[in-house]
Amino acid sequence: MLTHVRLNVREAAAEVLGRQDKLSEVSFQALIRNLSNGDPSVREVVRALGGQVVRLESAVLALIEMLKDEHPGVRGAAIHALE
């Protein structure tokens, strides 16, 4: 669902994941894989990571790199995930 062709489906999937107290490992890894997606709206799903990003050092490094993204929404999503 996070890579669905329709933006509203991706956003809804990310929102549902973001409301979970603890993401499953499968959900967490799916979000991590989307950090480098070519579509900025897909990269923005990292908002769902919230405070759970500390589970994986590589996720922190990828999010820090996303702070340089040309798309403001992606940068904002990275900031939100790192908070």
Protein backbone atom coordinates (compact mmCIF):
# COMPACT_ATOMS: atom_id res chain seq x y z
CA MET A 1 0.00 0.00 0.00
CA LEU A 2 2.92 2.36 0.64
CA THR A 3 3.89 2.21 -3.03
CA HIS A 4 0.37 2.17 -4.47
CA VAL A 5 -0.05 4.21 -7.65
CA ARG A 6 -2.60 6.53 -6.00
CA LEU A 7 -1.24 9.16 -3.61
CA ASN A 8 -4.28 9.08 -1.31
CA VAL A 9 -3.82 5.31 -0.79
CA ARG A 10 -0.14 5.79 0.13
CA GLU A 11 -1.01 8.62 2.51
CA ALA A 12 -3.76 6.57 4.16
CA ALA A 13 -1.44 3.58 4.60
CA ALA A 14 1.25 5.78 6.15
CA GLU A 15 -1.31 7.41 8.46
CA VAL A 16 -2.53 4.03 9.70
CA LEU A 17 1.05 2.90 10.35
CA GLY A 18 1.82 6.16 12.10
CA ARG A 19 -1.00 5.63 14.59
CA GLN A 20 0.40 2.31 15.79
CA ASP A 21 2.19 2.29 19.13
CA LYS A 22 4.83 -0.04 17.74
CA LEU A 23 5.36 -0.95 14.12
CA SER A 24 5.87 -4.58 13.20
CA GLU A 25 9.29 -5.39 11.77
CA VAL A 26 7.71 -5.95 8.34
CA SER A 27 5.99 -2.54 8.40
CA PHE A 28 9.12 -0.84 9.69
CA GLN A 29 11.29 -2.36 6.94
CA ALA A 30 8.72 -1.39 4.28
CA LEU A 31 8.92 2.21 5.43
CA ILE A 32 12.72 2.13 5.46
CA ARG A 33 12.78 0.80 1.89
CA ASN A 34 10.71 3.79 0.79
CA LEU A 35 13.21 6.35 2.10
CA SER A 36 15.05 6.32 -1.23
CA ASN A 37 12.06 6.00 -3.57
CA GLY A 38 12.22 8.24 -6.64
CA ASP A 39 8.76 9.66 -5.96
CA PRO A 40 8.78 12.41 -3.29
CA SER A 41 5.24 11.58 -2.19
CA VAL A 42 6.38 8.02 -1.45
CA ARG A 43 9.40 9.26 0.49
CA GLU A 44 7.07 11.37 2.61
CA VAL A 45 5.57 8.22 4.16
CA VAL A 46 8.44 8.32 6.62
CA ARG A 47 6.17 10.46 8.79
CA ALA A 48 4.79 7.12 9.96
CA LEU A 49 8.16 6.26 11.51
CA GLY A 50 7.69 8.83 14.24
CA GLY A 51 9.90 8.10 17.24
CA GLN A 52 10.48 4.52 16.17
CA VAL A 53 13.36 5.48 13.90
CA VAL A 54 15.87 4.80 16.65
CA ARG A 55 15.32 1.09 16.03
CA LEU A 56 17.67 1.17 13.08
CA GLU A 57 20.78 3.30 12.77
CA SER A 58 20.66 3.15 8.99
CA ALA A 59 17.19 4.71 9.11
CA VAL A 60 18.58 7.66 11.07
CA LEU A 61 21.37 8.10 8.53
CA ALA A 62 18.90 7.93 5.63
CA LEU A 63 16.61 10.46 7.30
CA ILE A 64 19.50 12.84 7.88
CA GLU A 65 20.30 12.56 4.17
CA MET A 66 16.63 13.31 3.38
CA LEU A 67 17.00 16.67 5.12
CA LYS A 68 18.84 17.73 1.92
CA ASP A 69 15.98 16.64 -0.38
CA GLU A 70 14.83 19.19 -2.96
CA HIS A 71 11.17 18.63 -2.00
CA PRO A 72 10.02 20.54 1.11
CA GLY A 73 7.45 17.87 1.99
CA VAL A 74 10.16 15.21 2.09
CA ARG A 75 12.37 17.40 4.30
CA GLY A 76 9.42 18.03 6.62
CA ALA A 77 8.63 14.33 6.81
CA ALA A 78 12.25 13.58 7.71
CA ILE A 79 12.19 16.21 10.45
CA HIS A 80 8.97 14.77 11.83
CA ALA A 81 10.39 11.23 11.86
CA LEU A 82 13.55 12.37 13.63
CA GLU A 83 11.68 14.25 16.40
